PDB file of N, CA and C in Angstrom:
ATOM      1  N   MET A   1       7.859   0.236  10.072  1.00  0.00           N
ATOM      2  CA  MET A   1       6.795   0.806   9.238  1.00  0.00           C
ATOM      3  C   MET A   1       7.023   0.347   7.881  1.00  0.00           C
ATOM      4  N   SER A   2       6.197  -0.252   7.216  1.00  0.00           N
ATOM      5  CA  SER A   2       6.028  -0.707   5.686  1.00  0.00           C
ATOM      6  C   SER A   2       6.814   0.325   4.667  1.00  0.00           C
ATOM      7  N   ARG A   3       7.102  -0.616   3.652  1.00  0.00           N
ATOM      8  CA  ARG A   3       7.472   0.426   2.443  1.00  0.00           C
ATOM      9  C   ARG A   3       6.430   1.242   1.993  1.00  0.00           C
ATOM     10  N   ALA A   4       5.261   0.941   1.882  1.00  0.00           N
ATOM     11  CA  ALA A   4       4.119   1.517   1.497  1.00  0.00           C
ATOM     12  C   ALA A   4       3.694   2.908   2.350  1.00  0.00           C
ATOM     13  N   THR A   5       3.999   2.808   3.502  1.00  0.00           N
ATOM     14  CA  THR A   5       3.865   3.697   4.493  1.00  0.00           C
ATOM     15  C   THR A   5       5.193   4.959   4.415  1.00  0.00           C
ATOM     16  N   ALA A   6       5.812   4.259   4.023  1.00  0.00           N
ATOM     17  CA  ALA A   6       7.034   5.147   4.013  1.00  0.00           C
ATOM     18  C   ALA A   6       7.211   6.172   2.864  1.00  0.00           C
ATOM     19  N   ALA A   7       6.849   5.138   1.921  1.00  0.00           N
ATOM     20  CA  ALA A   7       6.417   6.049   0.102  1.00  0.00           C
ATOM     21  C   ALA A   7       5.502   7.167   0.780  1.00  0.00           C
ATOM     22  N   ALA A   8       4.339   6.822   1.532  1.00  0.00           N
ATOM     23  CA  ALA A   8       3.505   7.976   1.598  1.00  0.00           C
ATOM     24  C   ALA A   8       3.970   8.892   2.045  1.00  0.00           C
ATOM     25  N   ALA A   9       4.818   8.414   3.525  1.00  0.00           N
ATOM     26  CA  ALA A   9       5.546   9.619   4.525  1.00  0.00           C
ATOM     27  C   ALA A   9       6.241  10.452   3.492  1.00  0.00           C
ATOM     28  N   ALA A  10       6.837  10.174   2.564  1.00  0.00           N
ATOM     29  CA  ALA A  10       7.795  10.343   1.767  1.00  0.00           C
ATOM     30  C   ALA A  10       7.268  11.763   0.816  1.00  0.00           C
ATOM     31  N   ALA A  11       5.955  11.132   0.084  1.00  0.00           N
ATOM     32  CA  ALA A  11       5.125  11.947  -0.622  1.00  0.00           C
ATOM     33  C   ALA A  11       4.858  13.309   0.214  1.00  0.00           C
ATOM     34  N   LEU A  12       4.329  12.848   1.245  1.00  0.00           N
ATOM     35  CA  LEU A  12       3.771  14.024   2.014  1.00  0.00           C
ATOM     36  C   LEU A  12       4.998  14.866   2.540  1.00  0.00           C
ATOM     37  N   THR A  13       6.070  14.130   2.843  1.00  0.00           N
ATOM     38  CA  THR A  13       6.996  15.439   3.367  1.00  0.00           C
ATOM     39  C   THR A  13       7.197  16.034   2.015  1.00  0.00           C
ATOM     40  N   VAL A  14       7.623  15.815   1.094  1.00  0.00           N
ATOM     41  CA  VAL A  14       7.598  17.076  -0.419  1.00  0.00           C
ATOM     42  C   VAL A  14       6.772  17.898  -0.421  1.00  0.00           C
ATOM     43  N   ALA A  15       5.176  17.131  -0.477  1.00  0.00           N
ATOM     44  CA  ALA A  15       4.045  18.252  -0.387  1.00  0.00           C
ATOM     45  C   ALA A  15       4.437  19.520   0.603  1.00  0.00           C
ATOM     46  N   ALA A  16       4.467  18.995   1.966  1.00  0.00           N
ATOM     47  CA  ALA A  16       4.825  19.829   3.067  1.00  0.00           C
ATOM     48  C   ALA A  16       6.153  20.828   2.667  1.00  0.00           C
ATOM     49  N   GLY A  17       6.744  20.522   2.455  1.00  0.00           N
ATOM     50  CA  GLY A  17       7.962  21.476   1.442  1.00  0.00           C
ATOM     51  C   GLY A  17       7.696  22.190   0.774  1.00  0.00           C
ATOM     52  N   LEU A  18       7.019  21.649  -0.153  1.00  0.00           N
ATOM     53  CA  LEU A  18       6.680  22.666  -1.079  1.00  0.00           C
ATOM     54  C   LEU A  18       5.396  23.564  -0.601  1.00  0.00           C
ATOM     55  N   GLY A  19       4.844  23.294   0.121  1.00  0.00           N
ATOM     56  CA  GLY A  19       3.561  23.850   0.801  1.00  0.00           C
ATOM     57  C   GLY A  19       4.251  25.202   1.429  1.00  0.00           C
ATOM     58  N   ILE A  20       5.312  24.433   2.253  1.00  0.00           N
ATOM     59  CA  ILE A  20       5.647  25.727   3.313  1.00  0.00           C
ATOM     60  C   ILE A  20       6.586  26.943   2.305  1.00  0.00           C
ATOM     61  N   ARG A  21       6.951  26.537   1.456  1.00  0.00           N
ATOM     62  CA  ARG A  21       7.805  27.472   0.463  1.00  0.00           C
ATOM     63  C   ARG A  21       6.871  28.531   0.005  1.00  0.00           C
ATOM     64  N   ALA A  22       5.223  28.021  -0.617  1.00  0.00           N
ATOM     65  CA  ALA A  22       4.388  28.465  -1.092  1.00  0.00           C
ATOM     66  C   ALA A  22       3.778  29.720  -0.241  1.00  0.00           C
ATOM     67  N   VAL A  23       3.715  29.238   1.283  1.00  0.00           N
ATOM     68  CA  VAL A  23       2.942  30.314   2.152  1.00  0.00           C
ATOM     69  C   VAL A  23       3.941  30.996   3.039  1.00  0.00           C
ATOM     70  N   ALA A  24       5.369  30.712   3.232  1.00  0.00           N
ATOM     71  CA  ALA A  24       6.040  31.473   3.894  1.00  0.00           C
ATOM     72  C   ALA A  24       7.477  31.802   3.353  1.00  0.00           C
ATOM     73  N   SER A  25       8.083  32.429   3.723  1.00  0.00           N
ATOM     74  CA  SER A  25       9.543  33.057   3.082  1.00  0.00           C
ATOM     75  C   SER A  25      10.698  33.147   4.061  1.00  0.00           C
ATOM     76  N   GLY A  26      11.825  33.630   3.648  1.00  0.00           N
ATOM     77  CA  GLY A  26      12.719  33.610   5.022  1.00  0.00           C
ATOM     78  C   GLY A  26      13.508  32.492   5.570  1.00  0.00           C
ATOM     79  N   GLY A  27      13.382  32.937   6.981  1.00  0.00           N
ATOM     80  CA  GLY A  27      14.127  31.900   7.800  1.00  0.00           C
ATOM     81  C   GLY A  27      13.154  30.730   7.974  1.00  0.00           C
ATOM     82  N   LEU A  28      11.785  31.063   8.127  1.00  0.00           N
ATOM     83  CA  LEU A  28      10.957  30.110   8.214  1.00  0.00           C
ATOM     84  C   LEU A  28      10.771  28.729   7.086  1.00  0.00           C
ATOM     85  N   ALA A  29      10.465  29.578   6.181  1.00  0.00           N
ATOM     86  CA  ALA A  29      10.837  28.361   4.908  1.00  0.00           C
ATOM     87  C   ALA A  29      11.959  27.769   4.788  1.00  0.00           C
ATOM     88  N   LYS A  30      13.022  28.519   5.259  1.00  0.00           N
ATOM     89  CA  LYS A  30      14.723  27.993   5.171  1.00  0.00           C
ATOM     90  C   LYS A  30      14.986  26.672   5.609  1.00  0.00           C
ATOM     91  N   TYR A  31      14.598  27.058   7.233  1.00  0.00           N
ATOM     92  CA  TYR A  31      14.761  26.437   8.179  1.00  0.00           C
ATOM     93  C   TYR A  31      13.761  25.144   8.230  1.00  0.00           C
ATOM     94  N   ALA A  32      12.544  25.292   7.821  1.00  0.00           N
ATOM     95  CA  ALA A  32      11.375  24.379   7.936  1.00  0.00           C
ATOM     96  C   ALA A  32      11.937  23.439   6.641  1.00  0.00           C
ATOM     97  N   GLY A  33      12.058  23.749   5.546  1.00  0.00           N
ATOM     98  CA  GLY A  33      13.037  23.149   4.231  1.00  0.00           C
ATOM     99  C   GLY A  33      14.333  22.194   4.796  1.00  0.00           C
ATOM    100  N   ASP A  34      15.146  22.821   5.790  1.00  0.00           N
ATOM    101  CA  ASP A  34      16.114  21.993   5.920  1.00  0.00           C
ATOM    102  C   ASP A  34      15.925  20.754   6.830  1.00  0.00           C
ATOM    103  N   ALA A  35      14.615  20.946   7.669  1.00  0.00           N
ATOM    104  CA  ALA A  35      14.227  20.026   8.646  1.00  0.00           C
ATOM    105  C   ALA A  35      13.602  18.534   7.623  1.00  0.00           C
ATOM    106  N   LEU A  36      12.488  19.439   7.162  1.00  0.00           N
ATOM    107  CA  LEU A  36      12.158  18.598   6.312  1.00  0.00           C
ATOM    108  C   LEU A  36      12.748  17.930   5.080  1.00  0.00           C
ATOM    109  N   TYR A  37      13.948  18.145   4.824  1.00  0.00           N
ATOM    110  CA  TYR A  37      15.039  17.659   4.013  1.00  0.00           C
ATOM    111  C   TYR A  37      15.780  16.362   4.516  1.00  0.00           C
ATOM    112  N   THR A  38      15.752  16.369   6.002  1.00  0.00           N
ATOM    113  CA  THR A  38      16.333  15.227   6.815  1.00  0.00           C
ATOM    114  C   THR A  38      15.022  14.313   6.828  1.00  0.00           C
ATOM    115  N   VAL A  39      13.805  14.840   6.999  1.00  0.00           N
ATOM    116  CA  VAL A  39      12.838  13.910   7.181  1.00  0.00           C
ATOM    117  C   VAL A  39      12.345  12.952   5.766  1.00  0.00           C
ATOM    118  N   LEU A  40      12.535  13.482   4.902  1.00  0.00           N
ATOM    119  CA  LEU A  40      12.522  13.289   3.392  1.00  0.00           C
ATOM    120  C   LEU A  40      13.656  11.800   3.584  1.00  0.00           C
ATOM    121  N   ILE A  41      14.894  12.358   3.562  1.00  0.00           N
ATOM    122  CA  ILE A  41      15.931  11.277   3.475  1.00  0.00           C
ATOM    123  C   ILE A  41      15.513  10.205   4.913  1.00  0.00           C
ATOM    124  N   TYR A  42      15.168  10.358   6.060  1.00  0.00           N
ATOM    125  CA  TYR A  42      14.786   9.236   6.980  1.00  0.00           C
ATOM    126  C   TYR A  42      13.574   8.421   6.386  1.00  0.00           C
ATOM    127  N   THR A  43      12.656   9.030   5.627  1.00  0.00           N
ATOM    128  CA  THR A  43      11.587   8.355   4.798  1.00  0.00           C
ATOM    129  C   THR A  43      12.057   7.304   3.851  1.00  0.00           C
ATOM    130  N   LEU A  44      13.039   8.054   2.823  1.00  0.00           N
ATOM    131  CA  LEU A  44      13.936   6.947   1.872  1.00  0.00           C
ATOM    132  C   LEU A  44      14.765   6.065   2.535  1.00  0.00           C
ATOM    133  N   VAL A  45      15.339   6.275   4.029  1.00  0.00           N
ATOM    134  CA  VAL A  45      15.987   4.983   4.323  1.00  0.00           C
ATOM    135  C   VAL A  45      15.057   4.028   4.914  1.00  0.00           C
ATOM    136  N   VAL A  46      14.054   4.284   5.400  1.00  0.00           N
ATOM    137  CA  VAL A  46      12.989   3.273   5.959  1.00  0.00           C
ATOM    138  C   VAL A  46      12.556   2.758   4.485  1.00  0.00           C
ATOM    139  N   LEU A  47      12.138   3.388   3.612  1.00  0.00           N
ATOM    140  CA  LEU A  47      11.957   2.672   2.091  1.00  0.00           C
ATOM    141  C   LEU A  47      12.640   1.676   1.560  1.00  0.00           C
ATOM    142  N   ILE A  48      14.049   2.085   1.750  1.00  0.00           N
ATOM    143  CA  ILE A  48      15.188   1.040   1.764  1.00  0.00           C
ATOM    144  C   ILE A  48      15.317  -0.032   2.614  1.00  0.00           C
ATOM    145  N   ALA A  49      15.256   0.066   4.208  1.00  0.00           N
ATOM    146  CA  ALA A  49      15.409  -0.766   4.879  1.00  0.00           C
ATOM    147  C   ALA A  49      14.241  -0.709   5.725  1.00  0.00           C
ATOM    148  N   PRO A  50      13.215  -1.418   5.788  1.00  0.00           N
ATOM    149  CA  PRO A  50      11.848  -0.982   6.622  1.00  0.00           C
ATOM    150  C   PRO A  50      12.051  -1.278   7.788  1.00  0.00           C
ATOM    151  N   ARG A  51      12.999  -2.375   8.070  1.00  0.00           N
ATOM    152  CA  ARG A  51      13.201  -2.972   9.490  1.00  0.00           C
ATOM    153  C   ARG A  51      14.075  -2.279  10.413  1.00  0.00           C
ATOM    154  N   ALA A  52      14.883  -1.210   9.832  1.00  0.00           N
ATOM    155  CA  ALA A  52      15.846  -1.015  10.312  1.00  0.00           C
ATOM    156  C   ALA A  52      14.781   0.316  11.889  1.00  0.00           C
ATOM    157  N   ARG A  53      15.752  -0.101  12.810  1.00  0.00           N
ATOM    158  CA  ARG A  53      15.295   0.626  14.310  1.00  0.00           C
ATOM    159  C   ARG A  53      15.222   2.302  14.075  1.00  0.00           C
ATOM    160  N   PRO A  54      14.274   3.027  14.498  1.00  0.00           N
ATOM    161  CA  PRO A  54      14.406   4.360  14.585  1.00  0.00           C
ATOM    162  C   PRO A  54      15.765   5.091  14.637  1.00  0.00           C
ATOM    163  N   PRO A  55      16.282   4.887  15.889  1.00  0.00           N
ATOM    164  CA  PRO A  55      17.466   5.572  16.163  1.00  0.00           C
ATOM    165  C   PRO A  55      18.429   5.469  14.990  1.00  0.00           C
ATOM    166  N   ALA A  56      18.708   4.036  14.604  1.00  0.00           N
ATOM    167  CA  ALA A  56      19.697   4.071  13.452  1.00  0.00           C
ATOM    168  C   ALA A  56      19.226   4.569  12.070  1.00  0.00           C
ATOM    169  N   VAL A  57      18.104   4.701  12.000  1.00  0.00           N
ATOM    170  CA  VAL A  57      17.490   5.436  10.657  1.00  0.00           C
ATOM    171  C   VAL A  57      17.576   6.660  10.526  1.00  0.00           C
ATOM    172  N   ALA A  58      17.418   7.604  12.228  1.00  0.00           N
ATOM    173  CA  ALA A  58      17.727   8.864  12.468  1.00  0.00           C
ATOM    174  C   ALA A  58      19.192   9.051  12.503  1.00  0.00           C
ATOM    175  N   GLY A  59      19.933   8.155  12.894  1.00  0.00           N
ATOM    176  CA  GLY A  59      21.001   8.624  12.317  1.00  0.00           C
ATOM    177  C   GLY A  59      21.764   8.813  11.171  1.00  0.00           C
ATOM    178  N   ALA A  60      21.307   7.997  10.044  1.00  0.00           N
ATOM    179  CA  ALA A  60      21.628   7.587   8.921  1.00  0.00           C
ATOM    180  C   ALA A  60      20.849   9.020   8.000  1.00  0.00           C
ATOM    181  N   ALA A  61      20.103   9.547   8.583  1.00  0.00           N
ATOM    182  CA  ALA A  61      19.419  10.830   7.790  1.00  0.00           C
ATOM    183  C   ALA A  61      19.750  11.628   8.340  1.00  0.00           C
ATOM    184  N   LEU A  62      20.620  11.813   9.470  1.00  0.00           N
ATOM    185  CA  LEU A  62      21.370  13.279   9.858  1.00  0.00           C
ATOM    186  C   LEU A  62      22.499  12.816   9.729  1.00  0.00           C
ATOM    187  N   ALA A  63      23.292  11.912   9.718  1.00  0.00           N
ATOM    188  CA  ALA A  63      24.546  12.225   8.876  1.00  0.00           C
ATOM    189  C   ALA A  63      24.815  12.037   7.576  1.00  0.00           C
ATOM    190  N   PHE A  64      23.842  11.670   6.531  1.00  0.00           N
ATOM    191  CA  PHE A  64      23.981  12.092   5.256  1.00  0.00           C
ATOM    192  C   PHE A  64      23.640  13.668   4.995  1.00  0.00           C
ATOM    193  N   SER A  65      22.326  13.974   5.749  1.00  0.00           N
ATOM    194  CA  SER A  65      22.595  15.590   5.918  1.00  0.00           C
ATOM    195  C   SER A  65      23.575  16.629   6.090  1.00  0.00           C
ATOM    196  N   TRP A  66      24.218  15.801   7.140  1.00  0.00           N
ATOM    197  CA  TRP A  66      25.565  16.590   7.575  1.00  0.00           C
ATOM    198  C   TRP A  66      26.856  16.600   6.568  1.00  0.00           C
ATOM    199  N   ALA A  67      26.710  15.402   6.549  1.00  0.00           N
ATOM    200  CA  ALA A  67      27.377  15.020   5.130  1.00  0.00           C
ATOM    201  C   ALA A  67      27.167  15.884   3.869  1.00  0.00           C
ATOM    202  N   VAL A  68      26.170  16.036   3.585  1.00  0.00           N
ATOM    203  CA  VAL A  68      25.880  17.181   1.924  1.00  0.00           C
ATOM    204  C   VAL A  68      26.146  18.373   2.342  1.00  0.00           C
ATOM    205  N   GLU A  69      25.861  19.219   3.661  1.00  0.00           N
ATOM    206  CA  GLU A  69      25.946  20.089   4.308  1.00  0.00           C
ATOM    207  C   GLU A  69      27.606  20.638   4.097  1.00  0.00           C
ATOM    208  N   LEU A  70      28.229  19.548   4.780  1.00  0.00           N
ATOM    209  CA  LEU A  70      29.669  19.830   5.052  1.00  0.00           C
ATOM    210  C   LEU A  70      30.483  19.608   3.523  1.00  0.00           C
ATOM    211  N   LEU A  71      30.074  18.828   2.674  1.00  0.00           N
ATOM    212  CA  LEU A  71      30.321  18.921   1.281  1.00  0.00           C
ATOM    213  C   LEU A  71      30.325  20.436   0.685  1.00  0.00           C
ATOM    214  N   GLN A  72      29.404  21.069   1.005  1.00  0.00           N
ATOM    215  CA  GLN A  72      29.261  22.349   0.431  1.00  0.00           C
ATOM    216  C   GLN A  72      30.363  23.484   1.137  1.00  0.00           C
ATOM    217  N   LEU A  73      31.265  23.198   1.722  1.00  0.00           N
ATOM    218  CA  LEU A  73      32.271  23.985   2.253  1.00  0.00           C
ATOM    219  C   LEU A  73      33.245  23.272   0.969  1.00  0.00           C
ATOM    220  N   THR A  74      33.212  22.531   0.421  1.00  0.00           N
ATOM    221  CA  THR A  74      34.509  22.313  -0.864  1.00  0.00           C
ATOM    222  C   THR A  74      33.986  23.171  -2.255  1.00  0.00           C
ATOM    223  N   GLY A  75      32.609  23.767  -2.554  1.00  0.00           N
ATOM    224  CA  GLY A  75      32.178  24.511  -3.195  1.00  0.00           C
ATOM    225  C   GLY A  75      31.872  23.468  -4.470  1.00  0.00           C
ATOM    226  N   VAL A  76      32.094  22.250  -4.673  1.00  0.00           N
ATOM    227  CA  VAL A  76      31.644  21.487  -5.391  1.00  0.00           C
ATOM    228  C   VAL A  76      30.080  21.537  -5.737  1.00  0.00           C
ATOM    229  N   PRO A  77      29.371  21.445  -4.654  1.00  0.00           N
ATOM    230  CA  PRO A  77      27.629  21.467  -4.927  1.00  0.00           C
ATOM    231  C   PRO A  77      27.365  22.659  -5.180  1.00  0.00           C
ATOM    232  N   GLY A  78      27.888  23.690  -5.230  1.00  0.00           N
ATOM    233  CA  GLY A  78      27.878  25.076  -5.953  1.00  0.00           C
ATOM    234  C   GLY A  78      27.964  25.249  -6.991  1.00  0.00           C
ATOM    235  N   VAL A  79      29.213  24.643  -7.784  1.00  0.00           N
ATOM    236  CA  VAL A  79      29.354  24.366  -9.435  1.00  0.00           C
ATOM    237  C   VAL A  79      27.932  23.614  -9.837  1.00  0.00           C
ATOM    238  N   LEU A  80      27.976  22.319  -9.154  1.00  0.00           N
ATOM    239  CA  LEU A  80      26.933  21.440  -9.551  1.00  0.00           C
ATOM    240  C   LEU A  80      25.840  22.168  -9.729  1.00  0.00           C
ATOM    241  N   SER A  81      25.360  22.731  -8.801  1.00  0.00           N
ATOM    242  CA  SER A  81      23.929  23.350  -8.728  1.00  0.00           C
ATOM    243  C   SER A  81      24.145  24.524  -9.645  1.00  0.00           C
ATOM    244  N   ARG A  82      24.966  25.181 -10.109  1.00  0.00           N
ATOM    245  CA  ARG A  82      24.578  26.316 -11.311  1.00  0.00           C
ATOM    246  C   ARG A  82      24.180  25.636 -12.471  1.00  0.00           C
ATOM    247  N   HIS A  83      24.529  24.408 -12.729  1.00  0.00           N
ATOM    248  CA  HIS A  83      24.240  23.480 -13.884  1.00  0.00           C
ATOM    249  C   HIS A  83      23.226  22.229 -13.764  1.00  0.00           C
ATOM    250  N   SER A  84      22.713  22.484 -12.578  1.00  0.00           N
ATOM    251  CA  SER A  84      21.871  21.256 -12.469  1.00  0.00           C
ATOM    252  C   SER A  84      20.592  21.515 -11.421  1.00  0.00           C
ATOM    253  N   THR A  85      19.238  21.535 -11.596  1.00  0.00           N
ATOM    254  CA  THR A  85      18.218  21.778 -10.957  1.00  0.00           C
ATOM    255  C   THR A  85      18.477  20.434  -9.823  1.00  0.00           C
ATOM    256  N   VAL A  86      18.336  19.531 -10.175  1.00  0.00           N
ATOM    257  CA  VAL A  86      18.553  18.224  -9.074  1.00  0.00           C
ATOM    258  C   VAL A  86      19.493  18.409  -8.233  1.00  0.00           C
ATOM    259  N   ALA A  87      20.896  18.901  -9.202  1.00  0.00           N
ATOM    260  CA  ALA A  87      22.206  18.865  -7.834  1.00  0.00           C
ATOM    261  C   ALA A  87      21.582  20.068  -6.781  1.00  0.00           C
ATOM    262  N   ARG A  88      20.925  21.176  -7.422  1.00  0.00           N
ATOM    263  CA  ARG A  88      20.606  22.230  -6.308  1.00  0.00           C
ATOM    264  C   ARG A  88      19.484  21.740  -5.181  1.00  0.00           C
ATOM    265  N   LEU A  89      18.766  21.180  -5.684  1.00  0.00           N
ATOM    266  CA  LEU A  89      17.759  20.194  -4.448  1.00  0.00           C
ATOM    267  C   LEU A  89      18.377  19.372  -3.891  1.00  0.00           C
ATOM    268  N   VAL A  90      19.035  18.575  -4.632  1.00  0.00           N
ATOM    269  CA  VAL A  90      19.700  17.829  -3.616  1.00  0.00           C
ATOM    270  C   VAL A  90      20.980  18.430  -2.910  1.00  0.00           C
ATOM    271  N   LEU A  91      22.129  18.867  -3.236  1.00  0.00           N
ATOM    272  CA  LEU A  91      23.078  19.134  -2.611  1.00  0.00           C
ATOM    273  C   LEU A  91      23.105  20.437  -2.042  1.00  0.00           C
ATOM    274  N   GLY A  92      22.126  21.286  -2.580  1.00  0.00           N
ATOM    275  CA  GLY A  92      22.209  22.658  -1.972  1.00  0.00           C
ATOM    276  C   GLY A  92      23.450  23.482  -2.309  1.00  0.00           C
ATOM    277  N   SER A  93      23.931  24.701  -2.374  1.00  0.00           N
ATOM    278  CA  SER A  93      24.960  25.023  -2.823  1.00  0.00           C
ATOM    279  C   SER A  93      26.302  25.970  -2.133  1.00  0.00           C
ATOM    280  N   THR A  94      25.717  26.403  -0.702  1.00  0.00           N
ATOM    281  CA  THR A  94      26.328  27.263   0.302  1.00  0.00           C
ATOM    282  C   THR A  94      26.034  26.752   1.529  1.00  0.00           C
ATOM    283  N   PHE A  95      27.288  26.369   2.267  1.00  0.00           N
ATOM    284  CA  PHE A  95      27.296  26.114   3.581  1.00  0.00           C
ATOM    285  C   PHE A  95      26.667  27.133   4.584  1.00  0.00           C
ATOM    286  N   ASN A  96      25.666  26.886   5.100  1.00  0.00           N
ATOM    287  CA  ASN A  96      25.270  27.669   6.589  1.00  0.00           C
ATOM    288  C   ASN A  96      25.279  26.616   7.588  1.00  0.00           C
ATOM    289  N   ALA A  97      26.122  26.899   8.620  1.00  0.00           N
ATOM    290  CA  ALA A  97      26.062  26.367   9.779  1.00  0.00           C
ATOM    291  C   ALA A  97      25.048  26.212  10.959  1.00  0.00           C
ATOM    292  N   PRO A  98      23.692  27.268  10.646  1.00  0.00           N
ATOM    293  CA  PRO A  98      22.676  26.518  11.370  1.00  0.00           C
ATOM    294  C   PRO A  98      21.761  25.473  10.811  1.00  0.00           C
ATOM    295  N   ASP A  99      21.826  25.536   9.522  1.00  0.00           N
ATOM    296  CA  ASP A  99      21.480  24.103   8.985  1.00  0.00           C
ATOM    297  C   ASP A  99      21.696  22.791   9.710  1.00  0.00           C
ATOM    298  N   LEU A 100      22.783  22.801  10.272  1.00  0.00           N
ATOM    299  CA  LEU A 100      23.090  21.443  10.761  1.00  0.00           C
ATOM    300  C   LEU A 100      22.151  21.100  12.326  1.00  0.00           C
ATOM    301  N   PHE A 101      21.568  22.200  12.722  1.00  0.00           N
ATOM    302  CA  PHE A 101      20.947  22.368  14.118  1.00  0.00           C
ATOM    303  C   PHE A 101      19.794  21.566  13.286  1.00  0.00           C
ATOM    304  N   TRP A 102      18.934  22.368  12.408  1.00  0.00           N
ATOM    305  CA  TRP A 102      17.591  22.137  11.961  1.00  0.00           C
ATOM    306  C   TRP A 102      17.554  20.631  11.189  1.00  0.00           C
ATOM    307  N   TYR A 103      18.733  20.150  10.534  1.00  0.00           N
ATOM    308  CA  TYR A 103      18.401  18.946  10.231  1.00  0.00           C
ATOM    309  C   TYR A 103      18.817  17.633  11.240  1.00  0.00           C
ATOM    310  N   ALA A 104      18.792  18.443  12.511  1.00  0.00           N
ATOM    311  CA  ALA A 104      18.981  17.420  13.657  1.00  0.00           C
ATOM    312  C   ALA A 104      17.505  17.384  14.155  1.00  0.00           C
ATOM    313  N   VAL A 105      16.685  18.603  14.010  1.00  0.00           N
ATOM    314  CA  VAL A 105      15.510  19.026  14.288  1.00  0.00           C
ATOM    315  C   VAL A 105      14.709  17.983  13.876  1.00  0.00           C
ATOM    316  N   GLY A 106      14.663  17.686  12.552  1.00  0.00           N
ATOM    317  CA  GLY A 106      14.170  16.933  11.035  1.00  0.00           C
ATOM    318  C   GLY A 106      14.584  15.516  11.885  1.00  0.00           C
ATOM    319  N   ALA A 107      15.637  15.383  12.201  1.00  0.00           N
ATOM    320  CA  ALA A 107      16.105  13.875  12.278  1.00  0.00           C
ATOM    321  C   ALA A 107      15.084  13.261  13.754  1.00  0.00           C
ATOM    322  N   GLY A 108      15.160  14.247  14.321  1.00  0.00           N
ATOM    323  CA  GLY A 108      14.255  14.233  15.942  1.00  0.00           C
ATOM    324  C   GLY A 108      12.743  13.821  15.684  1.00  0.00           C
ATOM    325  N   ALA A 109      12.331  14.679  15.042  1.00  0.00           N
ATOM    326  CA  ALA A 109      10.920  15.108  14.849  1.00  0.00           C
ATOM    327  C   ALA A 109      10.675  13.348  14.054  1.00  0.00           C
ATOM    328  N   ALA A 110      11.337  12.866  12.991  1.00  0.00           N
ATOM    329  CA  ALA A 110      10.926  11.947  12.156  1.00  0.00           C
ATOM    330  C   ALA A 110      11.050  10.888  13.104  1.00  0.00           C
ATOM    331  N   TRP A 111      12.327  10.515  14.143  1.00  0.00           N
ATOM    332  CA  TRP A 111      12.359   9.579  15.011  1.00  0.00           C
ATOM    333  C   TRP A 111      10.993   9.383  15.858  1.00  0.00           C
ATOM    334  N   ALA A 112      10.428  10.586  16.489  1.00  0.00           N
ATOM    335  CA  ALA A 112       9.672  10.410  17.300  1.00  0.00           C
ATOM    336  C   ALA A 112       8.265  10.049  16.854  1.00  0.00           C
ATOM    337  N   VAL A 113       7.988  10.844  15.635  1.00  0.00           N
ATOM    338  CA  VAL A 113       6.778   9.886  14.808  1.00  0.00           C
ATOM    339  C   VAL A 113       6.907   8.398  14.588  1.00  0.00           C
ATOM    340  N   HIS A 114       7.727   7.825  13.804  1.00  0.00           N
ATOM    341  CA  HIS A 114       8.049   7.009  13.373  1.00  0.00           C
ATOM    342  C   HIS A 114       8.105   5.904  15.018  1.00  0.00           C
ATOM    343  N   ARG A 115       8.715   6.509  16.139  1.00  0.00           N
ATOM    344  CA  ARG A 115       8.697   5.710  17.161  1.00  0.00           C
ATOM    345  C   ARG A 115       7.386   5.322  17.770  1.00  0.00           C
ATOM    346  N   GLY A 116       6.646   6.542  17.952  1.00  0.00           N
ATOM    347  CA  GLY A 116       5.118   6.798  18.050  1.00  0.00           C
ATOM    348  C   GLY A 116       3.979   5.597  17.291  1.00  0.00           C
ATOM    349  N   ALA A 117       4.869   5.678  16.220  1.00  0.00           N
ATOM    350  CA  ALA A 117       3.730   5.181  15.097  1.00  0.00           C
ATOM    351  C   ALA A 117       4.186   3.905  15.464  1.00  0.00           C
ATOM    352  N   ALA A 118       5.322   2.977  15.664  1.00  0.00           N
ATOM    353  CA  ALA A 118       5.652   1.445  15.974  1.00  0.00           C
ATOM    354  C   ALA A 118       5.154   1.312  17.498  1.00  0.00           C
ATOM    355  N   ALA A 119       4.833   1.730  17.954  1.00  0.00           N
ATOM    356  CA  ALA A 119       4.312   1.593  19.483  1.00  0.00           C
ATOM    357  C   ALA A 119       2.815   1.561  19.355  1.00  0.00           C
ATOM    358  N   ARG A 120       2.337   1.921  18.502  1.00  0.00           N
ATOM    359  CA  ARG A 120       0.827   2.313  18.284  1.00  0.00           C
ATOM    360  C   ARG A 120       0.472   0.899  17.600  1.00  0.00           C
ATOM    361  N   THR A 121       1.154   0.586  16.666  1.00  0.00           N
ATOM    362  CA  THR A 121       0.865  -0.750  16.083  1.00  0.00           C
ATOM    363  C   THR A 121       0.985  -2.149  16.967  1.00  0.00           C
ATOM    364  N   ALA A 122       2.315  -1.733  17.511  1.00  0.00           N
ATOM    365  CA  ALA A 122       2.644  -2.864  18.391  1.00  0.00           C
ATOM    366  C   ALA A 122       1.562  -3.426  19.484  1.00  0.00           C
ATOM    367  N   GLY A 123       1.118  -2.195  20.390  1.00  0.00           N
ATOM    368  CA  GLY A 123       0.042  -2.454  21.484  1.00  0.00           C
ATOM    369  C   GLY A 123      -1.158  -1.865  21.387  1.00  0.00           C
TER     370      GLY A 123
END
C-alpha cells in the first residue's frame, strides 16, 4: 500500500469514526470507535512503513492499542485526559476489558482489507 493510499485510508477512518458517533450512541458507537481506533493506528503504521507486511502491521497496531488500554489501569491517562482533549482522544481515560476484543476486530479487519488490496494490485 502506498503512503498516499494509507493517508487516504486514515482520513476515511477518522471520518467513519466521527460519522458513527454522529448517528449512533451507546455500545455500537463505543465499540465501533474502538475498532476504528486500531484501524487508524494500522493506517498510520503503513504510512510510516509502507512496505511492511499486513500481519506485522496488524500486530503492531493491535499491540499499540492494547498497550494504551492497559496503560489506563495506571490512572495516568485519566489524569492527562482531564487536562487535554488530545490525551483523551489518544489515550482514553478508563480501562474497559471488552475494548481489547474490539481492538482485535479492528486489526483483523484492517489486515483483511490490506491483504485483499495487495492481492488485487499484484494480480
